[in-house]
């Protein structure tokens, strides 16, 4: 993925998480990921694997490809 695509993913995860009303702590609980990891993703410091993107998308109730748009 290009840097601009990755930036979209990071921003979309944060945007959709906020729209669902999930704190990073609650979102971490729902995804099984750590709160620190969620923060690193949203701040562009970590790139989640495809498997983790699918988990995130499932919790956000969106198709995984929508994280790229």
C-alpha atoms as a PDB file:
ATOM      1  CA  UNK A   1       0.000   0.000   0.000  1.00  0.00           C
ATOM      2  CA  UNK A   2       1.154   3.523  -0.682  1.00  0.00           C
ATOM      3  CA  UNK A   3       1.692   6.054   2.087  1.00  0.00           C
ATOM      4  CA  UNK A   4      -1.445   7.963   1.103  1.00  0.00           C
ATOM      5  CA  UNK A   5      -3.493   4.764   1.242  1.00  0.00           C
ATOM      6  CA  UNK A   6      -2.081   3.926   4.661  1.00  0.00           C
ATOM      7  CA  UNK A   7      -2.910   7.427   5.907  1.00  0.00           C
ATOM      8  CA  UNK A   8      -6.511   6.899   4.765  1.00  0.00           C
ATOM      9  CA  UNK A   9      -6.652   3.597   6.648  1.00  0.00           C
ATOM     10  CA  UNK A  10      -5.381   5.217   9.859  1.00  0.00           C
ATOM     11  CA  UNK A  11      -7.813   8.116   9.590  1.00  0.00           C
ATOM     12  CA  UNK A  12     -10.761   5.900   8.673  1.00  0.00           C
ATOM     13  CA  UNK A  13     -10.200   3.599  11.627  1.00  0.00           C
ATOM     14  CA  UNK A  14     -10.178   6.553  14.002  1.00  0.00           C
ATOM     15  CA  UNK A  15     -13.165   8.213  12.315  1.00  0.00           C
ATOM     16  CA  UNK A  16     -15.279   5.058  12.304  1.00  0.00           C
ATOM     17  CA  UNK A  17     -14.293   4.215  15.880  1.00  0.00           C
ATOM     18  CA  UNK A  18     -15.397   7.664  16.997  1.00  0.00           C
ATOM     19  CA  UNK A  19     -18.653   7.393  15.028  1.00  0.00           C
ATOM     20  CA  UNK A  20     -19.391   4.153  16.897  1.00  0.00           C
ATOM     21  CA  UNK A  21     -18.717   5.982  20.159  1.00  0.00           C
ATOM     22  CA  UNK A  22     -15.918   3.638  21.187  1.00  0.00           C
ATOM     23  CA  UNK A  23     -13.057   4.883  23.318  1.00  0.00           C
ATOM     24  CA  UNK A  24      -9.682   3.456  22.395  1.00  0.00           C
ATOM     25  CA  UNK A  25      -9.915   1.317  25.529  1.00  0.00           C
ATOM     26  CA  UNK A  26     -13.303  -0.136  24.576  1.00  0.00           C
ATOM     27  CA  UNK A  27     -12.237  -0.623  20.952  1.00  0.00           C
ATOM     28  CA  UNK A  28      -9.127  -2.464  22.137  1.00  0.00           C
ATOM     29  CA  UNK A  29     -11.295  -4.767  24.244  1.00  0.00           C
ATOM     30  CA  UNK A  30     -13.611  -5.494  21.314  1.00  0.00           C
ATOM     31  CA  UNK A  31     -10.783  -6.195  18.859  1.00  0.00           C
ATOM     32  CA  UNK A  32      -8.554  -8.092  21.262  1.00  0.00           C
ATOM     33  CA  UNK A  33      -5.736  -5.656  20.538  1.00  0.00           C
ATOM     34  CA  UNK A  34      -3.991  -3.466  23.079  1.00  0.00           C
ATOM     35  CA  UNK A  35      -5.018   0.133  23.627  1.00  0.00           C
ATOM     36  CA  UNK A  36      -1.437   1.198  22.894  1.00  0.00           C
ATOM     37  CA  UNK A  37      -1.528  -0.664  19.579  1.00  0.00           C
ATOM     38  CA  UNK A  38      -4.797   1.026  18.592  1.00  0.00           C
ATOM     39  CA  UNK A  39      -3.246   4.400  19.395  1.00  0.00           C
ATOM     40  CA  UNK A  40      -0.150   3.594  17.331  1.00  0.00           C
ATOM     41  CA  UNK A  41      -2.312   2.589  14.358  1.00  0.00           C
ATOM     42  CA  UNK A  42      -4.442   5.727  14.535  1.00  0.00           C
ATOM     43  CA  UNK A  43      -1.324   7.880  14.757  1.00  0.00           C
ATOM     44  CA  UNK A  44       0.325   6.189  11.777  1.00  0.00           C
ATOM     45  CA  UNK A  45       3.127   4.630  13.785  1.00  0.00           C
ATOM     46  CA  UNK A  46       2.074   1.008  13.166  1.00  0.00           C
ATOM     47  CA  UNK A  47       0.574  -0.689  10.165  1.00  0.00           C
ATOM     48  CA  UNK A  48      -1.832  -3.487  11.049  1.00  0.00           C
ATOM     49  CA  UNK A  49      -1.610  -6.795   9.245  1.00  0.00           C
ATOM     50  CA  UNK A  50      -4.391  -7.805   6.880  1.00  0.00           C
ATOM     51  CA  UNK A  51      -5.726 -10.180   9.541  1.00  0.00           C
ATOM     52  CA  UNK A  52      -5.901  -7.345  12.079  1.00  0.00           C
ATOM     53  CA  UNK A  53      -7.520  -5.015   9.539  1.00  0.00           C
ATOM     54  CA  UNK A  54     -10.246  -7.601   9.057  1.00  0.00           C
ATOM     55  CA  UNK A  55     -10.765  -7.867  12.818  1.00  0.00           C
ATOM     56  CA  UNK A  56     -10.957  -4.074  13.069  1.00  0.00           C
ATOM     57  CA  UNK A  57     -13.394  -3.858  10.153  1.00  0.00           C
ATOM     58  CA  UNK A  58     -15.607  -6.542  11.698  1.00  0.00           C
ATOM     59  CA  UNK A  59     -15.798  -4.684  15.004  1.00  0.00           C
ATOM     60  CA  UNK A  60     -16.560  -1.443  13.124  1.00  0.00           C
ATOM     61  CA  UNK A  61     -19.212  -3.347  11.126  1.00  0.00           C
ATOM     62  CA  UNK A  62     -17.822  -2.334   7.730  1.00  0.00           C
ATOM     63  CA  UNK A  63     -16.331  -4.253   4.850  1.00  0.00           C
ATOM     64  CA  UNK A  64     -12.531  -4.199   5.156  1.00  0.00           C
ATOM     65  CA  UNK A  65     -12.111  -2.466   1.787  1.00  0.00           C
ATOM     66  CA  UNK A  66     -13.996   0.564   3.166  1.00  0.00           C
ATOM     67  CA  UNK A  67     -11.041   1.271   5.441  1.00  0.00           C
ATOM     68  CA  UNK A  68      -9.061   2.028   2.261  1.00  0.00           C
ATOM     69  CA  UNK A  69     -11.496   4.604   0.889  1.00  0.00           C
END
